[in-house]
Amino acid sequence: MTLDTYLKRDDAMSLTTLAAEMGVSKSRLSQLRDSTDWPPELALKAEEATCGEVSASHLSPIVARARQTGAAA
């Protein structure tokens, strides 16, 4: 799911809270909100901060490829 989809859920944390959990500014997170081409390190932080509700593989093609390669090994 995209970050935007997650944030629209009633039980989701706010953009401000999520940004603080991830250690990034609210404006940076707003820039990435609808994107599926995140920097891998931020995608992994988003996945961790949302307890896996937002998948880093969905946010970052690099993470997706790395996980596919790792699963094939």
N, C-alpha and C. Protein backbone atom coordinates (compact mmCIF):
# COMPACT_ATOMS: atom_id res chain seq x y z
N MET A 1 0.84 -1.17 0.00
CA MET A 1 0.00 0.00 0.00
C MET A 1 0.88 1.23 0.00
N THR A 2 0.41 2.28 -0.62
CA THR A 2 1.17 3.53 -0.61
C THR A 2 1.02 4.21 0.75
N LEU A 3 1.88 5.14 1.01
CA LEU A 3 1.79 5.89 2.25
C LEU A 3 0.47 6.65 2.30
N ASP A 4 0.06 7.20 1.18
CA ASP A 4 -1.19 7.95 1.12
C ASP A 4 -2.37 7.07 1.53
N THR A 5 -2.42 5.85 1.03
CA THR A 5 -3.49 4.91 1.39
C THR A 5 -3.45 4.63 2.89
N TYR A 6 -2.27 4.40 3.42
CA TYR A 6 -2.12 4.14 4.85
C TYR A 6 -2.63 5.32 5.68
N LEU A 7 -2.22 6.53 5.31
CA LEU A 7 -2.58 7.71 6.09
C LEU A 7 -4.08 8.00 6.07
N LYS A 8 -4.79 7.52 5.08
CA LYS A 8 -6.24 7.73 5.00
C LYS A 8 -7.02 6.80 5.93
N ARG A 9 -6.35 5.81 6.46
CA ARG A 9 -7.03 4.87 7.37
C ARG A 9 -7.31 5.55 8.71
N ASP A 10 -8.42 5.18 9.31
CA ASP A 10 -8.80 5.76 10.60
C ASP A 10 -7.81 5.43 11.71
N ASP A 11 -7.19 4.27 11.63
CA ASP A 11 -6.28 3.84 12.69
C ASP A 11 -4.81 4.19 12.43
N ALA A 12 -4.55 4.94 11.38
CA ALA A 12 -3.16 5.29 11.03
C ALA A 12 -2.65 6.45 11.88
N MET A 13 -1.34 6.48 12.08
CA MET A 13 -0.76 7.63 12.76
C MET A 13 -0.75 8.82 11.80
N SER A 14 -0.61 9.99 12.34
CA SER A 14 -0.61 11.19 11.50
C SER A 14 0.71 11.30 10.73
N LEU A 15 0.69 12.12 9.70
CA LEU A 15 1.89 12.36 8.90
C LEU A 15 3.01 12.92 9.78
N THR A 16 2.66 13.83 10.68
CA THR A 16 3.64 14.43 11.58
C THR A 16 4.26 13.38 12.49
N THR A 17 3.44 12.52 13.06
CA THR A 17 3.93 11.46 13.95
C THR A 17 4.80 10.47 13.20
N LEU A 18 4.34 10.08 12.02
CA LEU A 18 5.11 9.13 11.21
C LEU A 18 6.46 9.72 10.81
N ALA A 19 6.47 10.98 10.42
CA ALA A 19 7.73 11.64 10.07
C ALA A 19 8.69 11.62 11.25
N ALA A 20 8.19 11.91 12.44
CA ALA A 20 9.03 11.89 13.63
C ALA A 20 9.56 10.48 13.90
N GLU A 21 8.71 9.48 13.76
CA GLU A 21 9.12 8.08 13.95
C GLU A 21 10.23 7.68 12.98
N MET A 22 10.15 8.21 11.77
CA MET A 22 11.11 7.87 10.72
C MET A 22 12.36 8.73 10.76
N GLY A 23 12.31 9.84 11.49
CA GLY A 23 13.45 10.74 11.57
C GLY A 23 13.62 11.63 10.35
N VAL A 24 12.49 11.96 9.70
CA VAL A 24 12.52 12.86 8.54
C VAL A 24 11.54 14.00 8.78
N SER A 25 11.64 15.04 7.97
CA SER A 25 10.72 16.16 8.12
C SER A 25 9.34 15.81 7.53
N LYS A 26 8.35 16.49 8.03
CA LYS A 26 6.99 16.30 7.52
C LYS A 26 6.93 16.67 6.04
N SER A 27 7.66 17.71 5.64
CA SER A 27 7.63 18.13 4.23
C SER A 27 8.26 17.06 3.33
N ARG A 28 9.32 16.41 3.78
CA ARG A 28 9.94 15.34 2.98
C ARG A 28 8.97 14.17 2.82
N LEU A 29 8.29 13.83 3.89
CA LEU A 29 7.33 12.73 3.82
C LEU A 29 6.15 13.09 2.93
N SER A 30 5.75 14.35 2.94
CA SER A 30 4.68 14.81 2.05
C SER A 30 5.09 14.67 0.59
N GLN A 31 6.36 14.95 0.29
CA GLN A 31 6.86 14.80 -1.08
C GLN A 31 6.76 13.35 -1.55
N LEU A 32 6.97 12.42 -0.66
CA LEU A 32 6.99 11.00 -1.01
C LEU A 32 5.63 10.32 -0.91
N ARG A 33 4.67 11.02 -0.38
CA ARG A 33 3.38 10.43 -0.01
C ARG A 33 2.75 9.53 -1.07
N ASP A 34 2.72 9.95 -2.32
CA ASP A 34 2.09 9.17 -3.39
C ASP A 34 3.09 8.38 -4.22
N SER A 35 4.35 8.49 -3.91
CA SER A 35 5.40 7.89 -4.73
C SER A 35 5.56 6.39 -4.47
N THR A 36 5.99 5.69 -5.50
CA THR A 36 6.39 4.29 -5.35
C THR A 36 7.85 4.14 -5.79
N ASP A 37 8.61 5.22 -5.66
CA ASP A 37 10.03 5.21 -6.00
C ASP A 37 10.83 5.88 -4.88
N TRP A 38 10.67 5.36 -3.68
CA TRP A 38 11.32 5.92 -2.50
C TRP A 38 12.79 5.50 -2.44
N PRO A 39 13.62 6.32 -1.77
CA PRO A 39 14.96 5.85 -1.44
C PRO A 39 14.83 4.62 -0.53
N PRO A 40 15.63 3.60 -0.74
CA PRO A 40 15.48 2.36 0.03
C PRO A 40 15.51 2.55 1.54
N GLU A 41 16.40 3.41 2.03
CA GLU A 41 16.51 3.56 3.49
C GLU A 41 15.24 4.17 4.08
N LEU A 42 14.59 5.07 3.36
CA LEU A 42 13.34 5.65 3.86
C LEU A 42 12.19 4.65 3.74
N ALA A 43 12.19 3.86 2.70
CA ALA A 43 11.15 2.84 2.55
C ALA A 43 11.22 1.84 3.71
N LEU A 44 12.42 1.44 4.08
CA LEU A 44 12.58 0.51 5.20
C LEU A 44 12.16 1.15 6.52
N LYS A 45 12.45 2.43 6.69
CA LYS A 45 12.02 3.14 7.91
C LYS A 45 10.50 3.23 7.97
N ALA A 46 9.86 3.47 6.82
CA ALA A 46 8.39 3.55 6.78
C ALA A 46 7.78 2.21 7.13
N GLU A 47 8.36 1.15 6.61
CA GLU A 47 7.85 -0.19 6.92
C GLU A 47 7.97 -0.48 8.42
N GLU A 48 9.10 -0.14 8.99
CA GLU A 48 9.31 -0.37 10.42
C GLU A 48 8.36 0.48 11.26
N ALA A 49 8.23 1.75 10.92
CA ALA A 49 7.39 2.67 11.70
C ALA A 49 5.91 2.30 11.65
N THR A 50 5.49 1.67 10.54
CA THR A 50 4.08 1.28 10.41
C THR A 50 3.86 -0.19 10.76
N CYS A 51 4.85 -0.80 11.37
CA CYS A 51 4.78 -2.22 11.76
C CYS A 51 4.42 -3.12 10.58
N GLY A 52 4.96 -2.79 9.41
CA GLY A 52 4.75 -3.60 8.23
C GLY A 52 3.48 -3.31 7.46
N GLU A 53 2.67 -2.38 7.94
CA GLU A 53 1.43 -2.03 7.23
C GLU A 53 1.74 -1.45 5.85
N VAL A 54 2.81 -0.69 5.77
CA VAL A 54 3.29 -0.16 4.49
C VAL A 54 4.55 -0.96 4.16
N SER A 55 4.55 -1.64 3.04
CA SER A 55 5.67 -2.49 2.65
C SER A 55 6.77 -1.70 1.95
N ALA A 56 7.99 -1.86 2.42
CA ALA A 56 9.13 -1.21 1.77
C ALA A 56 9.27 -1.69 0.33
N SER A 57 8.91 -2.92 0.07
CA SER A 57 8.98 -3.46 -1.30
C SER A 57 8.03 -2.74 -2.23
N HIS A 58 6.91 -2.30 -1.71
CA HIS A 58 5.94 -1.56 -2.53
C HIS A 58 6.41 -0.13 -2.78
N LEU A 59 7.12 0.43 -1.82
CA LEU A 59 7.55 1.82 -1.93
C LEU A 59 8.82 2.00 -2.75
N SER A 60 9.68 1.00 -2.74
CA SER A 60 10.99 1.13 -3.39
C SER A 60 11.30 -0.08 -4.28
N PRO A 61 11.45 0.15 -5.58
CA PRO A 61 11.81 -0.95 -6.47
C PRO A 61 13.15 -1.61 -6.09
N ILE A 62 14.04 -0.83 -5.51
CA ILE A 62 15.34 -1.37 -5.11
C ILE A 62 15.16 -2.39 -3.99
N VAL A 63 14.32 -2.07 -3.01
CA VAL A 63 14.04 -3.01 -1.92
C VAL A 63 13.34 -4.25 -2.48
N ALA A 64 12.39 -4.04 -3.37
CA ALA A 64 11.67 -5.17 -3.96
C ALA A 64 12.63 -6.12 -4.68
N ARG A 65 13.54 -5.57 -5.48
CA ARG A 65 14.51 -6.40 -6.20
C ARG A 65 15.44 -7.13 -5.24
N ALA A 66 15.89 -6.43 -4.22
CA ALA A 66 16.79 -7.05 -3.24
C ALA A 66 16.11 -8.20 -2.52
N ARG A 67 14.85 -8.02 -2.18
CA ARG A 67 14.12 -9.09 -1.49
C ARG A 67 13.84 -10.27 -2.42
N GLN A 68 13.58 -9.99 -3.68
CA GLN A 68 13.38 -11.08 -4.64
C GLN A 68 14.67 -11.86 -4.84
N THR A 69 15.77 -11.15 -4.94
CA THR A 69 17.07 -11.79 -5.12
C THR A 69 17.43 -12.61 -3.89
N GLY A 70 17.15 -12.05 -2.72
CA GLY A 70 17.43 -12.76 -1.47
C GLY A 70 16.58 -14.00 -1.31
N ALA A 71 15.35 -13.95 -1.75
CA ALA A 71 14.44 -15.09 -1.65
C ALA A 71 14.85 -16.20 -2.61
N ALA A 72 15.45 -15.83 -3.72
CA ALA A 72 15.85 -16.81 -4.73
C ALA A 72 17.15 -17.52 -4.34
N ALA A 73 17.90 -16.92 -3.44
CA ALA A 73 19.21 -17.49 -3.06
C ALA A 73 19.08 -18.68 -2.16
